[in-house]
Amino acid sequence: MTALPSDLAPGQTVTVNAQVKAPALSGKGNAAAEVKANGNTVDFTYFRDGLLETQTEKKPDGTLVSDHVVAYDLNGNRWHDVSRKMNADNDGAYLTTTTARRAR
């Protein structure tokens, strides 16, 4: 039987495969952080209702690889996501993308 991240206690980790460790969990059972096989860390923050607020990936030396800042409408639907990703050709530059959901 495989343990799912939702089965883990806050702060507990389990190796899912050789590539990624299952995330440490926040007090509400959401992923708080994970470590990738390349040593990069991914940290997550959440709004009080448990919805994802930010996701930040950094190299072991602290260099930012990517980040997301997410916003939601009053019904909890994701409507805005600003992401920044390291440029593969110039790791001192970042590509910024904004994704917005159209109002109906």
C-alpha atoms as a PDB file:
ATOM      1  CA  MET A   1       0.000   0.000   0.000  1.00  0.00           C
ATOM      2  CA  THR A   2       1.325   3.437  -0.929  1.00  0.00           C
ATOM      3  CA  ALA A   3       0.980   6.332   1.493  1.00  0.00           C
ATOM      4  CA  LEU A   4      -0.638   9.405   0.002  1.00  0.00           C
ATOM      5  CA  PRO A   5       0.417  12.917   1.095  1.00  0.00           C
ATOM      6  CA  SER A   6      -3.050  13.283   2.651  1.00  0.00           C
ATOM      7  CA  ASP A   7      -2.284  10.266   4.897  1.00  0.00           C
ATOM      8  CA  LEU A   8       0.805  11.886   6.451  1.00  0.00           C
ATOM      9  CA  ALA A   9       1.001  13.851   9.665  1.00  0.00           C
ATOM     10  CA  PRO A  10       2.236  17.483   9.577  1.00  0.00           C
ATOM     11  CA  GLY A  11       6.004  17.527   8.976  1.00  0.00           C
ATOM     12  CA  GLN A  12       6.148  13.822   8.005  1.00  0.00           C
ATOM     13  CA  THR A  13       7.649  12.822   4.643  1.00  0.00           C
ATOM     14  CA  VAL A  14       7.805   9.606   2.672  1.00  0.00           C
ATOM     15  CA  THR A  15       9.781   8.738  -0.466  1.00  0.00           C
ATOM     16  CA  VAL A  16       7.302   8.362  -3.325  1.00  0.00           C
ATOM     17  CA  ASN A  17       9.911   7.517  -5.947  1.00  0.00           C
ATOM     18  CA  ALA A  18      13.593   8.211  -6.512  1.00  0.00           C
ATOM     19  CA  GLN A  19      12.786  11.633  -7.979  1.00  0.00           C
ATOM     20  CA  VAL A  20      10.681  13.483  -5.409  1.00  0.00           C
ATOM     21  CA  LYS A  21       9.994  13.127  -1.704  1.00  0.00           C
ATOM     22  CA  ALA A  22       6.384  13.530  -0.661  1.00  0.00           C
ATOM     23  CA  PRO A  23       5.915  16.984   0.813  1.00  0.00           C
ATOM     24  CA  ALA A  24       6.091  18.002   4.431  1.00  0.00           C
ATOM     25  CA  LEU A  25       2.577  19.008   5.392  1.00  0.00           C
ATOM     26  CA  SER A  26       1.185  22.167   6.923  1.00  0.00           C
ATOM     27  CA  GLY A  27      -1.133  22.084   9.913  1.00  0.00           C
ATOM     28  CA  LYS A  28      -4.136  21.828   7.567  1.00  0.00           C
ATOM     29  CA  GLY A  29      -2.662  18.882   5.674  1.00  0.00           C
ATOM     30  CA  ASN A  30      -1.490  20.887   2.662  1.00  0.00           C
ATOM     31  CA  ALA A  31       2.021  20.491   1.279  1.00  0.00           C
ATOM     32  CA  ALA A  32       4.328  22.971   3.033  1.00  0.00           C
ATOM     33  CA  ALA A  33       7.540  22.047   1.206  1.00  0.00           C
ATOM     34  CA  GLU A  34       9.118  19.352  -0.931  1.00  0.00           C
ATOM     35  CA  VAL A  35      12.610  18.524  -2.136  1.00  0.00           C
ATOM     36  CA  LYS A  36      13.144  17.498  -5.750  1.00  0.00           C
ATOM     37  CA  ALA A  37      15.739  14.942  -6.892  1.00  0.00           C
ATOM     38  CA  ASN A  38      17.953  17.758  -8.220  1.00  0.00           C
ATOM     39  CA  GLY A  39      18.064  19.275  -4.712  1.00  0.00           C
ATOM     40  CA  ASN A  40      15.694  22.135  -5.488  1.00  0.00           C
ATOM     41  CA  THR A  41      13.192  22.990  -2.769  1.00  0.00           C
ATOM     42  CA  VAL A  42       9.582  23.957  -3.425  1.00  0.00           C
ATOM     43  CA  ASP A  43       7.812  25.912  -0.701  1.00  0.00           C
ATOM     44  CA  PHE A  44       4.060  26.509  -0.557  1.00  0.00           C
ATOM     45  CA  THR A  45       1.961  29.060   1.346  1.00  0.00           C
ATOM     46  CA  TYR A  46      -1.801  28.999   1.727  1.00  0.00           C
ATOM     47  CA  PHE A  47      -4.677  31.320   2.481  1.00  0.00           C
ATOM     48  CA  ARG A  48      -6.582  30.637   5.708  1.00  0.00           C
ATOM     49  CA  ASP A  49      -9.181  28.604   3.797  1.00  0.00           C
ATOM     50  CA  GLY A  50      -6.470  26.230   2.550  1.00  0.00           C
ATOM     51  CA  LEU A  51      -6.251  27.479  -1.048  1.00  0.00           C
ATOM     52  CA  LEU A  52      -2.748  27.802  -2.512  1.00  0.00           C
ATOM     53  CA  GLU A  53      -1.363  31.350  -2.299  1.00  0.00           C
ATOM     54  CA  THR A  54       2.259  30.957  -3.444  1.00  0.00           C
ATOM     55  CA  GLN A  55       4.576  28.268  -4.778  1.00  0.00           C
ATOM     56  CA  THR A  56       8.315  29.010  -4.870  1.00  0.00           C
ATOM     57  CA  GLU A  57      11.076  26.761  -6.224  1.00  0.00           C
ATOM     58  CA  LYS A  58      14.723  27.503  -5.418  1.00  0.00           C
ATOM     59  CA  LYS A  59      18.043  25.857  -6.174  1.00  0.00           C
ATOM     60  CA  PRO A  60      20.140  24.616  -3.232  1.00  0.00           C
ATOM     61  CA  ASP A  61      22.153  27.879  -3.375  1.00  0.00           C
ATOM     62  CA  GLY A  62      18.942  29.917  -2.952  1.00  0.00           C
ATOM     63  CA  THR A  63      18.622  31.026  -6.596  1.00  0.00           C
ATOM     64  CA  LEU A  64      14.982  31.412  -7.619  1.00  0.00           C
ATOM     65  CA  VAL A  65      13.910  28.910 -10.290  1.00  0.00           C
ATOM     66  CA  SER A  66      10.189  29.742 -10.420  1.00  0.00           C
ATOM     67  CA  ASP A  67       7.361  31.138  -8.396  1.00  0.00           C
ATOM     68  CA  HIS A  68       3.594  31.492  -8.623  1.00  0.00           C
ATOM     69  CA  VAL A  69       1.279  33.930  -6.870  1.00  0.00           C
ATOM     70  CA  VAL A  70      -2.348  32.842  -7.105  1.00  0.00           C
ATOM     71  CA  ALA A  71      -5.616  34.692  -6.468  1.00  0.00           C
ATOM     72  CA  TYR A  72      -9.178  33.378  -6.302  1.00  0.00           C
ATOM     73  CA  ASP A  73     -12.684  34.736  -6.682  1.00  0.00           C
ATOM     74  CA  LEU A  74     -15.182  34.688  -3.812  1.00  0.00           C
ATOM     75  CA  ASN A  75     -16.285  31.160  -4.774  1.00  0.00           C
ATOM     76  CA  GLY A  76     -12.753  29.768  -4.476  1.00  0.00           C
ATOM     77  CA  ASN A  77     -12.173  29.536  -8.235  1.00  0.00           C
ATOM     78  CA  ARG A  78      -8.628  30.331  -9.358  1.00  0.00           C
ATOM     79  CA  TRP A  79      -8.880  33.486 -11.436  1.00  0.00           C
ATOM     80  CA  HIS A  80      -5.363  34.940 -11.468  1.00  0.00           C
ATOM     81  CA  ASP A  81      -1.880  33.378 -11.512  1.00  0.00           C
ATOM     82  CA  VAL A  82       1.337  35.336 -11.955  1.00  0.00           C
ATOM     83  CA  SER A  83       4.308  33.058 -12.570  1.00  0.00           C
ATOM     84  CA  ARG A  84       7.980  33.805 -12.936  1.00  0.00           C
ATOM     85  CA  LYS A  85      10.330  31.215 -14.419  1.00  0.00           C
ATOM     86  CA  MET A  86      14.082  31.298 -14.840  1.00  0.00           C
ATOM     87  CA  ASN A  87      15.073  31.829 -18.465  1.00  0.00           C
ATOM     88  CA  ALA A  88      16.827  28.648 -19.668  1.00  0.00           C
ATOM     89  CA  ASP A  89      19.189  30.701 -21.853  1.00  0.00           C
ATOM     90  CA  ASN A  90      20.060  33.302 -19.190  1.00  0.00           C
ATOM     91  CA  ASP A  91      19.642  32.213 -15.570  1.00  0.00           C
ATOM     92  CA  GLY A  92      19.879  35.867 -14.470  1.00  0.00           C
ATOM     93  CA  ALA A  93      16.659  36.666 -16.353  1.00  0.00           C
ATOM     94  CA  TYR A  94      13.092  35.564 -15.704  1.00  0.00           C
ATOM     95  CA  LEU A  95      10.040  35.053 -17.897  1.00  0.00           C
ATOM     96  CA  THR A  96       6.842  36.386 -16.332  1.00  0.00           C
ATOM     97  CA  THR A  97       3.424  35.083 -17.319  1.00  0.00           C
ATOM     98  CA  THR A  98       0.055  36.253 -16.051  1.00  0.00           C
ATOM     99  CA  THR A  99      -2.936  33.974 -16.486  1.00  0.00           C
ATOM    100  CA  ALA A 100      -6.358  35.398 -15.742  1.00  0.00           C
ATOM    101  CA  ARG A 101      -9.730  33.744 -15.972  1.00  0.00           C
ATOM    102  CA  ARG A 102     -12.383  35.763 -17.715  1.00  0.00           C
ATOM    103  CA  ALA A 103     -15.477  36.748 -15.793  1.00  0.00           C
ATOM    104  CA  ARG A 104     -18.659  35.147 -17.093  1.00  0.00           C
END
